[in-house]
Protein backbone atom coordinates (compact mmCIF):
# COMPACT_ATOMS: atom_id res chain seq x y z
CA MET A 1 0.05 -0.08 -0.14
CA SER A 2 1.32 3.21 -0.86
CA ASP A 3 2.08 5.63 2.09
CA THR A 4 0.41 8.55 0.44
CA ALA A 5 -3.29 9.01 -0.40
CA ALA A 6 -3.83 8.45 -3.77
CA PRO A 7 -4.77 11.11 -6.39
CA ILE A 8 -8.60 10.39 -6.46
CA ALA A 9 -8.63 10.37 -2.53
CA ARG A 10 -7.42 13.67 -3.09
CA LEU A 11 -10.16 14.79 -5.06
CA GLN A 12 -12.80 12.92 -2.62
CA SER A 13 -11.37 13.61 0.69
CA LEU A 14 -12.84 17.00 1.06
CA ASP A 15 -16.48 15.67 0.10
CA THR A 16 -16.09 12.63 1.95
CA VAL A 17 -15.32 14.31 5.31
CA ARG A 18 -18.26 16.61 4.58
CA GLY A 19 -20.55 14.14 3.95
CA VAL A 20 -19.92 12.35 7.21
CA ALA A 21 -20.36 15.60 8.93
CA VAL A 22 -23.60 16.63 7.15
CA MET A 23 -25.01 13.03 8.15
CA GLY A 24 -23.49 13.17 11.59
CA ILE A 25 -24.85 16.62 12.53
CA LEU A 26 -28.28 14.63 12.25
CA LEU A 27 -27.37 12.42 15.07
CA LEU A 28 -27.78 15.64 17.40
CA ASN A 29 -29.99 17.80 15.57
CA ILE A 30 -32.86 14.86 15.74
CA VAL A 31 -33.10 15.46 19.56
CA ALA A 32 -33.78 19.23 18.64
CA PHE A 33 -36.30 17.99 15.99
CA GLY A 34 -38.23 15.51 18.00
CA MET A 35 -38.24 16.62 21.51
CA PRO A 36 -38.17 19.86 24.03
CA ILE A 37 -35.16 21.91 23.55
CA ALA A 38 -33.69 20.99 26.90
CA ALA A 39 -33.54 17.52 26.25
CA TYR A 40 -30.89 18.28 23.82
CA PHE A 41 -28.28 19.24 26.67
CA ASN A 42 -30.04 17.36 29.56
CA PRO A 43 -31.20 13.69 29.29
CA ARG A 44 -33.11 14.06 32.64
CA ALA A 45 -35.22 17.05 31.02
CA TYR A 46 -37.32 14.52 28.64
CA GLY A 47 -37.04 11.51 26.37
CA GLY A 48 -35.40 8.99 29.05
CA ALA A 49 -32.29 9.16 31.52
CA GLU A 50 -31.68 5.45 31.91
CA GLY A 51 -31.29 2.35 29.95
CA ILE A 52 -30.44 2.74 26.18
CA ASP A 53 -31.82 6.00 26.19
CA LEU A 54 -28.98 7.24 28.39
CA ALA A 55 -26.27 5.22 26.93
CA VAL A 56 -27.36 6.92 23.35
CA TYR A 57 -26.99 10.35 25.35
CA LEU A 58 -23.61 9.52 26.64
CA THR A 59 -22.37 7.93 23.64
CA ASN A 60 -23.26 10.99 21.68
CA PHE A 61 -22.03 13.13 23.99
CA VAL A 62 -18.37 11.74 24.16
CA LEU A 63 -18.21 10.96 20.32
CA PHE A 64 -20.47 13.33 18.40
CA ASP A 65 -21.94 16.10 20.29
CA GLY A 66 -20.37 19.36 18.91
CA LYS A 67 -17.56 17.23 16.81
CA MET A 68 -19.58 16.95 13.66
CA ARG A 69 -20.94 20.71 13.81
CA GLY A 70 -17.22 21.60 14.23
CA LEU A 71 -16.35 19.35 11.54
CA PHE A 72 -18.74 21.14 9.49
CA SER A 73 -17.28 24.52 10.53
CA PHE A 74 -13.68 23.31 9.50
CA LEU A 75 -14.82 22.02 6.09
CA PHE A 76 -16.98 25.77 5.56
CA GLY A 77 -13.30 27.57 6.13
CA ALA A 78 -11.50 25.44 3.58
CA SER A 79 -14.36 25.93 1.24
CA ILE A 80 -14.13 29.53 1.39
CA LEU A 81 -10.44 28.98 0.55
CA LEU A 82 -11.38 26.77 -2.56
CA VAL A 83 -13.81 29.45 -3.94
CA ILE A 84 -11.33 32.01 -3.63
CA GLU A 85 -9.03 30.19 -5.40
CA ARG A 86 -11.13 29.37 -8.02
CA ALA A 87 -12.26 32.82 -8.30
CA GLU A 88 -8.67 34.00 -8.81
CA ALA A 89 -7.97 31.44 -11.39
CA LYS A 90 -10.90 32.86 -13.55
CA GLY A 91 -9.94 36.40 -13.14
CA GLU A 92 -12.95 37.16 -10.70
CA SER A 93 -12.78 39.37 -7.98
CA PRO A 94 -12.68 36.94 -4.89
CA ALA A 95 -14.46 39.53 -2.50
CA ARG A 96 -17.19 40.15 -4.73
CA VAL A 97 -17.58 36.10 -5.36
CA HIS A 98 -17.26 35.72 -1.56
CA TYR A 99 -19.57 38.07 -0.32
CA MET A 100 -22.41 37.66 -2.72
CA ARG A 101 -22.56 34.01 -1.81
CA MET A 102 -22.43 35.09 2.18
CA ILE A 103 -25.18 37.40 1.40
CA TRP A 104 -27.19 34.79 -0.48
CA LEU A 105 -26.21 32.15 2.09
CA LEU A 106 -27.65 34.24 4.94
CA LEU A 107 -30.93 35.04 3.39
CA PHE A 108 -31.20 31.33 2.80
CA GLY A 109 -30.40 30.87 6.77
CA LEU A 110 -32.94 33.42 7.60
CA ALA A 111 -35.64 31.60 5.67
CA HIS A 112 -34.40 28.27 7.01
CA LEU A 113 -34.47 29.81 10.65
CA TRP A 114 -38.21 31.36 10.56
CA LEU A 115 -40.07 29.29 8.10
CA VAL A 116 -38.59 25.87 8.53
CA TRP A 117 -36.49 25.15 11.83
CA PHE A 118 -35.12 27.13 14.67
CA GLY A 119 -31.72 25.34 14.65
CA ASP A 120 -30.58 26.90 11.61
CA ILE A 121 -26.54 27.48 11.24
CA LEU A 122 -26.57 28.76 7.74
CA GLY A 123 -27.03 32.44 8.87
CA HIS A 124 -24.49 32.12 11.39
CA TYR A 125 -22.15 30.71 8.93
CA ALA A 126 -22.60 33.61 6.84
CA LEU A 127 -22.08 36.02 9.30
CA VAL A 128 -18.85 34.57 10.50
CA GLY A 129 -17.72 33.84 6.95
CA MET A 130 -17.69 37.35 6.00
CA ILE A 131 -15.03 37.84 8.92
CA ALA A 132 -12.99 34.68 7.95
CA PHE A 133 -12.47 36.16 4.53
CA PHE A 134 -9.82 38.92 5.75
CA CYS A 135 -7.49 35.80 7.15
CA ARG A 136 -7.46 34.07 3.68
CA ARG A 137 -3.77 34.82 3.21
CA MET A 138 -2.40 33.86 6.62
CA ARG A 139 0.19 30.92 7.01
CA PRO A 140 -1.40 27.82 8.72
CA SER A 141 0.80 28.57 11.65
CA ARG A 142 -0.41 32.13 12.27
CA LEU A 143 -4.05 30.50 11.33
CA ILE A 144 -3.74 28.04 14.07
CA VAL A 145 -2.31 30.70 16.63
CA LEU A 146 -5.20 33.01 15.98
CA GLY A 147 -7.74 30.10 16.14
CA VAL A 148 -6.39 29.08 19.30
CA LEU A 149 -6.80 32.77 20.91
CA LEU A 150 -10.05 32.83 19.61
CA LEU A 151 -11.02 29.69 21.74
CA VAL A 152 -9.58 31.34 24.56
CA VAL A 153 -11.80 34.03 24.38
CA GLN A 154 -14.72 31.68 23.43
CA LEU A 155 -13.85 29.88 26.87
CA LEU A 156 -14.16 32.78 28.84
CA VAL A 157 -17.23 33.52 27.39
CA MET A 158 -18.74 30.46 28.30
CA ALA A 159 -17.28 30.30 31.54
CA MET A 160 -19.71 33.38 32.42
CA LEU A 161 -22.64 30.63 32.29
CA PRO A 162 -21.57 28.30 35.08
CA VAL A 163 -20.16 31.10 37.13
CA GLY A 164 -23.44 33.16 36.81
CA ILE A 165 -25.54 30.22 37.73
CA HIS A 166 -23.25 29.63 40.66
CA PHE A 167 -23.99 33.10 42.00
CA LEU A 168 -27.91 32.81 41.31
CA GLN A 169 -28.30 29.58 42.97
CA ILE A 170 -26.63 31.57 46.17
CA ALA A 171 -29.21 34.37 45.80
CA ALA A 172 -32.28 32.17 45.12
CA ALA A 173 -31.52 30.51 48.44
CA GLY A 174 -32.05 33.70 50.34
CA GLU A 175 -34.98 35.61 51.05
CA GLY A 176 -36.48 38.85 49.63
CA LYS A 177 -37.01 40.38 46.32
CA ASP A 178 -33.40 39.67 45.30
CA ALA A 179 -33.85 35.81 45.89
CA ALA A 180 -37.27 35.86 43.91
CA GLU A 181 -35.72 37.49 40.89
CA ALA A 182 -32.53 35.03 41.11
CA ALA A 183 -35.09 31.78 41.08
CA LYS A 184 -36.81 33.65 38.10
CA ASN A 185 -33.46 33.77 36.11
CA LEU A 186 -32.42 30.14 37.33
CA ALA A 187 -35.77 29.05 35.72
CA GLY A 188 -34.93 30.45 32.74
CA PHE A 189 -31.80 28.61 32.49
CA ASN A 190 -33.57 25.36 33.53
CA ARG A 191 -36.00 25.77 30.65
CA THR A 192 -32.92 25.12 28.23
CA PHE A 193 -30.03 23.59 30.07
CA GLY A 194 -31.87 22.08 33.20
CA ILE A 195 -35.43 19.97 33.89
CA PRO A 196 -38.30 22.47 32.91
CA THR A 197 -41.45 22.44 34.68
CA ALA A 198 -44.11 19.96 33.70
CA ALA A 199 -46.29 23.10 32.78
CA GLU A 200 -43.12 24.29 30.38
CA ILE A 201 -42.73 21.08 28.67
CA ALA A 202 -46.62 21.11 28.21
CA LYS A 203 -46.69 24.15 26.60
CA GLU A 204 -43.48 23.42 24.25
CA LEU A 205 -45.40 20.08 23.22
CA ALA A 206 -48.73 22.22 22.38
CA ILE A 207 -46.66 24.58 20.26
CA TYR A 208 -44.70 22.00 17.82
CA ARG A 209 -47.73 19.85 17.94
CA GLY A 210 -49.89 22.57 16.79
CA ASN A 211 -50.39 24.46 13.39
CA TYR A 212 -47.86 25.97 11.12
CA ALA A 213 -48.54 29.59 12.03
CA GLY A 214 -48.12 29.12 15.55
CA ILE A 215 -44.89 27.51 15.03
CA VAL A 216 -43.66 30.13 12.76
CA ALA A 217 -44.81 32.84 15.16
CA GLU A 218 -42.79 30.99 18.01
CA ARG A 219 -39.54 31.11 15.90
CA LEU A 220 -40.05 35.05 15.11
CA ARG A 221 -40.45 35.44 18.83
CA GLU A 222 -37.53 33.43 19.95
CA ASN A 223 -35.24 34.48 16.98
CA PRO A 224 -36.24 38.31 16.12
CA LEU A 225 -32.60 39.07 15.28
CA GLY A 226 -31.91 36.00 13.53
CA PRO A 227 -28.57 34.45 14.06
CA LEU A 228 -27.10 37.39 15.54
CA ALA A 229 -27.60 36.05 19.03
CA GLN A 230 -25.83 33.02 18.17
CA THR A 231 -23.23 34.81 16.39
CA MET A 232 -22.30 36.96 19.49
CA PHE A 233 -22.46 33.67 21.84
CA VAL A 234 -20.28 31.11 19.69
CA GLY A 235 -18.93 33.09 17.02
CA PHE A 236 -15.66 33.08 18.53
CA GLU A 237 -15.16 29.68 18.61
CA THR A 238 -17.21 29.26 15.26
CA LEU A 239 -14.19 31.47 13.60
CA ALA A 240 -11.76 29.72 15.17
CA TYR A 241 -12.74 26.16 13.52
CA MET A 242 -12.90 27.92 10.04
CA LEU A 243 -9.71 29.32 10.57
CA PHE A 244 -8.37 25.90 11.33
CA GLY A 245 -10.24 24.47 8.22
CA MET A 246 -8.05 26.90 6.33
CA ALA A 247 -5.03 25.71 7.86
CA GLY A 248 -6.18 21.78 7.25
CA LEU A 249 -6.48 22.73 3.36
CA LYS A 250 -3.31 24.61 3.37
CA SER A 251 -1.26 22.09 5.07
CA GLY A 252 -2.77 19.39 2.96
CA LEU A 253 -4.94 17.72 5.83
CA LEU A 254 -8.17 18.22 4.42
CA ARG A 255 -6.68 17.62 0.69
CA GLY A 256 -6.00 13.73 1.69
CA GLU A 257 -2.18 14.68 1.06
CA TRP A 258 -0.78 13.61 4.14
CA THR A 259 1.10 10.35 4.60
CA ARG A 260 -0.91 7.62 6.38
CA ALA A 261 1.62 7.88 9.43
CA GLY A 262 0.79 11.39 9.78
CA TYR A 263 -3.32 10.67 9.66
CA ARG A 264 -2.74 7.87 12.01
CA LYS A 265 -0.76 10.23 14.24
CA ALA A 266 -3.29 13.16 14.07
CA LEU A 267 -6.10 10.35 15.16
CA TRP A 268 -4.51 8.93 18.16
CA LEU A 269 -3.31 12.45 19.25
CA GLY A 270 -6.84 13.82 18.81
CA PHE A 271 -8.95 10.87 20.11
CA GLY A 272 -6.14 10.00 22.79
CA ILE A 273 -6.63 13.36 24.28
CA GLY A 274 -10.44 13.94 23.43
CA ILE A 275 -12.09 10.61 24.37
CA PRO A 276 -10.79 10.43 27.90
CA ALA A 277 -11.22 14.07 28.64
CA TYR A 278 -15.06 13.73 27.19
CA ALA A 279 -15.50 10.40 29.13
CA ALA A 280 -14.44 12.35 32.27
CA LEU A 281 -17.09 15.28 31.79
CA ALA A 282 -19.61 12.69 31.15
CA ALA A 283 -18.92 11.03 34.20
CA TYR A 284 -19.16 14.07 36.34
CA GLN A 285 -22.72 14.93 34.97
CA LEU A 286 -23.84 11.71 35.59
CA ASN A 287 -22.53 11.47 39.08
CA ALA A 288 -24.03 15.01 39.66
CA ASP A 289 -27.39 13.62 38.32
CA PHE A 290 -27.35 16.20 35.43
CA SER A 291 -27.72 19.27 37.70
CA LEU A 292 -28.05 22.56 36.01
CA PHE A 293 -24.58 23.58 37.18
CA SER A 294 -23.01 20.30 36.13
CA VAL A 295 -24.43 20.49 32.84
CA VAL A 296 -23.30 23.90 32.06
CA LEU A 297 -19.84 23.42 33.16
CA GLY A 298 -19.30 19.96 31.55
CA SER A 299 -21.35 20.13 28.55
CA MET A 300 -21.33 23.72 27.65
CA THR A 301 -17.85 25.26 29.19
CA LEU A 302 -14.92 22.85 29.46
CA THR A 303 -15.83 20.88 26.20
CA SER A 304 -14.59 23.83 24.18
CA ILE A 305 -11.13 22.94 25.36
CA PHE A 306 -11.11 19.55 24.22
CA ARG A 307 -13.55 19.51 21.02
CA PRO A 308 -10.82 20.60 18.27
CA PHE A 309 -8.76 17.60 18.96
CA MET A 310 -11.88 15.31 18.58
CA ILE A 311 -12.59 17.07 15.05
CA VAL A 312 -8.81 16.59 13.77
CA GLY A 313 -9.19 13.17 14.99
CA TRP A 314 -12.64 12.70 13.31
CA ALA A 315 -11.08 13.96 10.42
CA SER A 316 -8.25 11.95 10.22
CA LEU A 317 -10.08 8.71 11.02
CA ILE A 318 -12.64 9.76 7.70
CA ILE A 319 -9.62 10.21 5.54
CA LEU A 320 -7.97 6.80 6.78
CA LEU A 321 -11.06 4.58 6.38
CA ALA A 322 -12.11 6.01 3.14
CA ARG A 323 -11.61 3.55 0.33
CA PRO A 324 -10.78 5.74 -2.94
CA GLY A 325 -13.28 4.74 -5.73
CA GLY A 326 -15.22 2.49 -3.06
CA ALA A 327 -18.93 2.20 -3.34
CA LEU A 328 -19.61 3.70 -0.02
CA THR A 329 -16.86 6.19 0.04
CA SER A 330 -18.28 7.56 -3.07
CA ARG A 331 -21.92 7.70 -2.01
CA ILE A 332 -20.80 9.37 1.15
CA ALA A 333 -18.66 11.97 -1.03
CA ALA A 334 -21.78 12.69 -3.07
CA THR A 335 -23.65 13.39 -0.12
CA GLY A 336 -20.98 15.79 0.75
CA ARG A 337 -21.05 17.35 -2.30
CA MET A 338 -24.71 17.96 -2.15
CA ALA A 339 -24.30 18.97 1.74
CA PHE A 340 -26.44 22.11 1.39
CA THR A 341 -29.28 20.36 -0.30
CA ASN A 342 -29.20 17.65 2.14
CA TYR A 343 -28.96 19.63 5.15
CA LEU A 344 -32.01 21.75 4.26
CA THR A 345 -33.85 18.56 3.07
CA THR A 346 -33.16 17.09 6.35
CA SER A 347 -35.09 19.77 7.99
CA LEU A 348 -38.07 19.51 5.50
CA ILE A 349 -38.48 16.03 6.30
CA CYS A 350 -37.94 16.06 9.99
CA THR A 351 -40.18 19.08 10.74
CA THR A 352 -42.77 17.25 8.44
CA PHE A 353 -42.40 14.09 10.21
CA PHE A 354 -42.48 15.84 14.06
CA TYR A 355 -44.43 18.71 13.80
CA GLY A 356 -48.31 19.38 14.08
CA TYR A 357 -49.00 20.37 10.49
CA GLY A 358 -47.17 16.87 9.63
CA LEU A 359 -47.49 13.83 11.22
CA GLY A 360 -47.25 15.63 14.49
CA TRP A 361 -44.95 12.79 16.48
CA PHE A 362 -43.02 15.78 18.31
CA GLY A 363 -42.63 14.27 21.82
CA TYR A 364 -43.65 11.00 21.39
CA LEU A 365 -40.63 8.85 20.61
CA GLY A 366 -37.72 8.09 23.45
CA ARG A 367 -34.26 9.29 22.58
CA ALA A 368 -33.08 6.05 21.30
CA GLN A 369 -36.27 5.58 19.12
CA LEU A 370 -35.48 8.81 17.34
CA TYR A 371 -32.71 7.23 15.53
CA LEU A 372 -34.85 5.20 13.26
CA VAL A 373 -35.55 8.34 11.71
CA VAL A 374 -31.99 9.22 11.46
CA PHE A 375 -31.04 5.89 9.91
CA ALA A 376 -33.96 6.33 7.34
CA VAL A 377 -32.86 9.94 6.47
CA TRP A 378 -29.16 8.74 6.14
CA THR A 379 -30.44 6.22 3.46
CA LEU A 380 -32.16 8.54 1.49
CA MET A 381 -29.26 11.00 1.18
CA LEU A 382 -26.86 8.19 0.11
CA LEU A 383 -29.48 6.67 -2.20
CA TRP A 384 -30.01 9.89 -3.97
CA SER A 385 -27.19 12.03 -4.02
CA LYS A 386 -24.98 9.97 -6.13
CA PRO A 387 -27.62 9.17 -9.08
CA TRP A 388 -28.27 12.89 -9.09
CA LEU A 389 -24.51 14.12 -9.49
CA ALA A 390 -24.36 11.25 -12.47
CA HIS A 391 -26.94 13.51 -14.21
CA PHE A 392 -26.43 17.27 -12.92
CA ARG A 393 -23.30 19.16 -11.88
CA TYR A 394 -24.57 20.48 -8.53
CA GLY A 395 -27.41 19.45 -6.09
CA PRO A 396 -30.17 21.75 -6.75
CA LEU A 397 -29.86 24.05 -4.12
CA GLU A 398 -26.07 24.28 -4.82
CA TRP A 399 -27.11 25.07 -8.14
CA LEU A 400 -29.51 27.63 -7.03
CA TRP A 401 -27.08 29.30 -4.66
CA ARG A 402 -24.39 29.51 -7.27
CA SER A 403 -26.47 31.20 -9.74
CA LEU A 404 -28.18 33.73 -7.41
CA SER A 405 -24.33 34.56 -6.22
CA ARG A 406 -23.37 35.15 -9.67
CA LEU A 407 -26.39 36.75 -10.92
CA SER A 408 -26.84 34.42 -13.76
CA PHE A 409 -28.00 30.90 -14.36
CA GLN A 410 -25.19 28.25 -14.04
CA PRO A 411 -25.22 25.20 -16.52
CA ILE A 412 -26.45 22.08 -14.44
CA ARG A 413 -26.79 19.52 -16.90
CA GLY A 414 -24.16 17.11 -17.21
CA ALA A 415 -22.24 14.79 -14.65
CA ALA A 416 -20.24 16.50 -11.81
CA ALA A 417 -17.00 17.34 -12.51
CA ALA A 418 -13.90 17.13 -10.08
CA SER A 419 -13.21 20.73 -10.70
CA ASP A 420 -16.62 21.97 -10.15
């Protein structure tokens, strides 16, 4: 076996990793599609905190939670560079091409957020991508250093959550007006990260089992500023990951150009640090019975230290396992090539399945049962993406995004080419 990746693997590596990422994101998003939002962070909130349900939660927490989103962010940063390279090769303005893409992506994201599903990341990526453009000429080492500094800032931002909750709990234990106000604020945190009251759960179930107009009204109420609040809260981390993705492309990591020994080393380093750390954080939350403070500290704050190691480990593992020209690898790569279409189609399928204007199964499935839906959606992605690209150069929404960004209809007929 050659010690370097074959040429075809270099062409497929980015799409293969992206394909795994867009499929892997659903492992976590499915909980937000099918259950009250607190269940995403806390298994005691809804959907089962024992037996197979707890095992599913812990497995996702250690191996997938945040890692697939982070991997997607890595790839978005790499894609920014690829678009810039192609624009320059064609004599186009990189800035114009990039910002037209980001503006249209923001509009797609707003439509997705307000009209389809509250968990959109496209608008957030568009805003952060507008900033990432200014780092495009940095050397890999500088991109990594800047990314690490951004993660330190993000850690400080996230640390405000457990610190704030700690002092609120102290204040709520007292008496008087201040104690009542602290208790009210704690209740707000519990609705998202802790264990909501039965009345709050019932209210959320009623909304998402209701009609389309009521669900859209709830989205507009919760997200009046679109992705701005999300960007202010986790934008430092997302930008860091995009910069790491740029560094990964420039260094050859995401192109499949490293030696297999290099990928194995990155895999062992990433998982060797990340998995034990995440397992320890999972044990801490489990021993604390998933208290509000333990979830915010162990799941929201300290994970930001170890997540980058896991993301690099996942990227390395995927490239090592991918078999150039293999049937499964080709289908996963096609799924990644159509990640924009597959991401939005997943939202349409899952909201139709769970929400009241569709089948209305919101809140009826246990945590483990949700994964029957995940496997069904994965099957659809793998079955339809490759045949589509055998006849068309882009996925349907990729084509629409490309055409809108260039203000002209782009050719779509004909099998996808490696340079597209």
